[in-house]
Amino acid sequence: MLANIIMPLASLAWLKVPILILFAIISVLVIFLVLIQKGGAGGLAGAFGGGDSGGVLGTRAGSFLSKITVYLGSAFLILALVYAIINATATS
């Protein structure tokens, strides 16, 4: 049954390059967002003078950045699975 679902994905082999490019962009964005978030020890945001002040993004920036990180992290995982399935069906 699972083979019946995965086999039509072999025709989507042309999507390998666009998915890989999007995967790389999302990877860089997730790394950047994780680094600028304030962690328990101040994070990288504190190294650039953020301190405990609200900063440029305001006091609600933490929750905003956390939500974006969750969405991009989810997109990262979904793209990784899609790319793995397309790559596995294209090579077999």
C-alpha atoms as a PDB file:
ATOM      1  CA  MET A   1       0.000   0.000   0.000  1.00  0.00           C
ATOM      2  CA  LEU A   2       2.792   2.422   0.847  1.00  0.00           C
ATOM      3  CA  ALA A   3       4.467   1.619  -2.465  1.00  0.00           C
ATOM      4  CA  ASN A   4       1.304   2.704  -4.283  1.00  0.00           C
ATOM      5  CA  ILE A   5       1.522   6.075  -2.582  1.00  0.00           C
ATOM      6  CA  ILE A   6       5.261   6.620  -3.087  1.00  0.00           C
ATOM      7  CA  MET A   7       5.629   5.388  -6.680  1.00  0.00           C
ATOM      8  CA  PRO A   8       3.799   8.358  -8.307  1.00  0.00           C
ATOM      9  CA  LEU A   9       6.366  10.608  -6.630  1.00  0.00           C
ATOM     10  CA  ALA A  10       9.007   9.283  -9.021  1.00  0.00           C
ATOM     11  CA  SER A  11       7.536  11.526 -11.700  1.00  0.00           C
ATOM     12  CA  LEU A  12       8.333  14.510  -9.479  1.00  0.00           C
ATOM     13  CA  ALA A  13      12.086  14.070  -9.888  1.00  0.00           C
ATOM     14  CA  TRP A  14      12.272  17.492 -11.553  1.00  0.00           C
ATOM     15  CA  LEU A  15      11.446  19.009  -8.151  1.00  0.00           C
ATOM     16  CA  LYS A  16      14.727  17.848  -6.619  1.00  0.00           C
ATOM     17  CA  VAL A  17      16.661  21.036  -7.396  1.00  0.00           C
ATOM     18  CA  PRO A  18      13.979  23.574  -6.348  1.00  0.00           C
ATOM     19  CA  ILE A  19      13.330  21.650  -3.117  1.00  0.00           C
ATOM     20  CA  LEU A  20      17.050  21.488  -2.387  1.00  0.00           C
ATOM     21  CA  ILE A  21      17.430  25.249  -2.961  1.00  0.00           C
ATOM     22  CA  LEU A  22      14.453  25.994  -0.695  1.00  0.00           C
ATOM     23  CA  PHE A  23      15.865  23.552   1.864  1.00  0.00           C
ATOM     24  CA  ALA A  24      19.194  25.419   1.905  1.00  0.00           C
ATOM     25  CA  ILE A  25      17.494  28.814   2.291  1.00  0.00           C
ATOM     26  CA  ILE A  26      15.332  27.584   5.166  1.00  0.00           C
ATOM     27  CA  SER A  27      18.391  25.996   6.805  1.00  0.00           C
ATOM     28  CA  VAL A  28      20.254  29.302   6.827  1.00  0.00           C
ATOM     29  CA  LEU A  29      17.186  31.146   8.134  1.00  0.00           C
ATOM     30  CA  VAL A  30      16.680  28.653  10.977  1.00  0.00           C
ATOM     31  CA  ILE A  31      20.342  28.943  11.976  1.00  0.00           C
ATOM     32  CA  PHE A  32      20.097  32.742  11.929  1.00  0.00           C
ATOM     33  CA  LEU A  33      16.874  32.813  13.952  1.00  0.00           C
ATOM     34  CA  VAL A  34      18.209  30.430  16.570  1.00  0.00           C
ATOM     35  CA  LEU A  35      21.350  32.525  16.964  1.00  0.00           C
ATOM     36  CA  ILE A  36      19.546  35.848  17.405  1.00  0.00           C
ATOM     37  CA  GLN A  37      17.081  34.538  19.984  1.00  0.00           C
ATOM     38  CA  LYS A  38      17.808  35.259  23.586  1.00  0.00           C
ATOM     39  CA  GLY A  39      18.516  32.087  25.460  1.00  0.00           C
ATOM     40  CA  GLY A  40      19.004  31.448  29.153  1.00  0.00           C
ATOM     41  CA  ALA A  41      22.525  32.884  29.041  1.00  0.00           C
ATOM     42  CA  GLY A  42      21.657  35.906  26.887  1.00  0.00           C
ATOM     43  CA  GLY A  43      22.392  34.272  23.546  1.00  0.00           C
ATOM     44  CA  LEU A  44      24.046  35.926  20.614  1.00  0.00           C
ATOM     45  CA  ALA A  45      21.514  38.769  20.798  1.00  0.00           C
ATOM     46  CA  GLY A  46      23.145  39.921  24.042  1.00  0.00           C
ATOM     47  CA  ALA A  47      26.575  39.914  22.428  1.00  0.00           C
ATOM     48  CA  PHE A  48      25.458  42.643  20.036  1.00  0.00           C
ATOM     49  CA  GLY A  49      24.222  44.972  22.757  1.00  0.00           C
ATOM     50  CA  GLY A  50      20.689  43.620  23.033  1.00  0.00           C
ATOM     51  CA  GLY A  51      20.928  43.046  26.753  1.00  0.00           C
ATOM     52  CA  ASP A  52      17.621  43.003  28.600  1.00  0.00           C
ATOM     53  CA  SER A  53      16.148  45.909  26.666  1.00  0.00           C
ATOM     54  CA  GLY A  54      13.339  45.494  24.163  1.00  0.00           C
ATOM     55  CA  GLY A  55      15.661  46.215  21.261  1.00  0.00           C
ATOM     56  CA  VAL A  56      14.673  47.030  17.721  1.00  0.00           C
ATOM     57  CA  LEU A  57      11.994  44.357  17.437  1.00  0.00           C
ATOM     58  CA  GLY A  58      10.190  45.348  20.638  1.00  0.00           C
ATOM     59  CA  THR A  59       9.383  43.440  23.782  1.00  0.00           C
ATOM     60  CA  ARG A  60       7.243  40.852  21.992  1.00  0.00           C
ATOM     61  CA  ALA A  61      10.078  39.930  19.641  1.00  0.00           C
ATOM     62  CA  GLY A  62      10.831  36.753  21.590  1.00  0.00           C
ATOM     63  CA  SER A  63       7.442  35.213  20.967  1.00  0.00           C
ATOM     64  CA  PHE A  64       7.440  36.417  17.348  1.00  0.00           C
ATOM     65  CA  LEU A  65      10.878  34.935  16.665  1.00  0.00           C
ATOM     66  CA  SER A  66       9.898  31.718  18.431  1.00  0.00           C
ATOM     67  CA  LYS A  67       6.829  31.306  16.226  1.00  0.00           C
ATOM     68  CA  ILE A  68       8.823  31.938  13.057  1.00  0.00           C
ATOM     69  CA  THR A  69      11.458  29.451  14.235  1.00  0.00           C
ATOM     70  CA  VAL A  70       8.799  26.791  14.817  1.00  0.00           C
ATOM     71  CA  TYR A  71       7.257  27.363  11.373  1.00  0.00           C
ATOM     72  CA  LEU A  72      10.617  27.301   9.594  1.00  0.00           C
ATOM     73  CA  GLY A  73      11.714  24.258  11.596  1.00  0.00           C
ATOM     74  CA  SER A  74       8.534  22.450  10.567  1.00  0.00           C
ATOM     75  CA  ALA A  75       9.097  23.410   6.932  1.00  0.00           C
ATOM     76  CA  PHE A  76      12.685  22.154   7.247  1.00  0.00           C
ATOM     77  CA  LEU A  77      11.540  18.730   8.459  1.00  0.00           C
ATOM     78  CA  ILE A  78       8.781  18.422   5.851  1.00  0.00           C
ATOM     79  CA  LEU A  79      11.134  19.385   3.023  1.00  0.00           C
ATOM     80  CA  ALA A  80      13.714  16.892   4.291  1.00  0.00           C
ATOM     81  CA  LEU A  81      11.135  14.099   4.198  1.00  0.00           C
ATOM     82  CA  VAL A  82       9.808  15.093   0.761  1.00  0.00           C
ATOM     83  CA  TYR A  83      13.325  15.327  -0.659  1.00  0.00           C
ATOM     84  CA  ALA A  84      14.256  11.928   0.803  1.00  0.00           C
ATOM     85  CA  ILE A  85      11.152  10.296  -0.673  1.00  0.00           C
ATOM     86  CA  ILE A  86      11.649  11.876  -4.095  1.00  0.00           C
ATOM     87  CA  ASN A  87      15.334  10.988  -4.081  1.00  0.00           C
ATOM     88  CA  ALA A  88      14.650   7.380  -3.034  1.00  0.00           C
ATOM     89  CA  THR A  89      11.989   6.849  -5.701  1.00  0.00           C
ATOM     90  CA  ALA A  90      14.024   8.540  -8.442  1.00  0.00           C
ATOM     91  CA  THR A  91      17.048   6.294  -7.852  1.00  0.00           C
ATOM     92  CA  SER A  92      15.127   3.024  -7.633  1.00  0.00           C
END
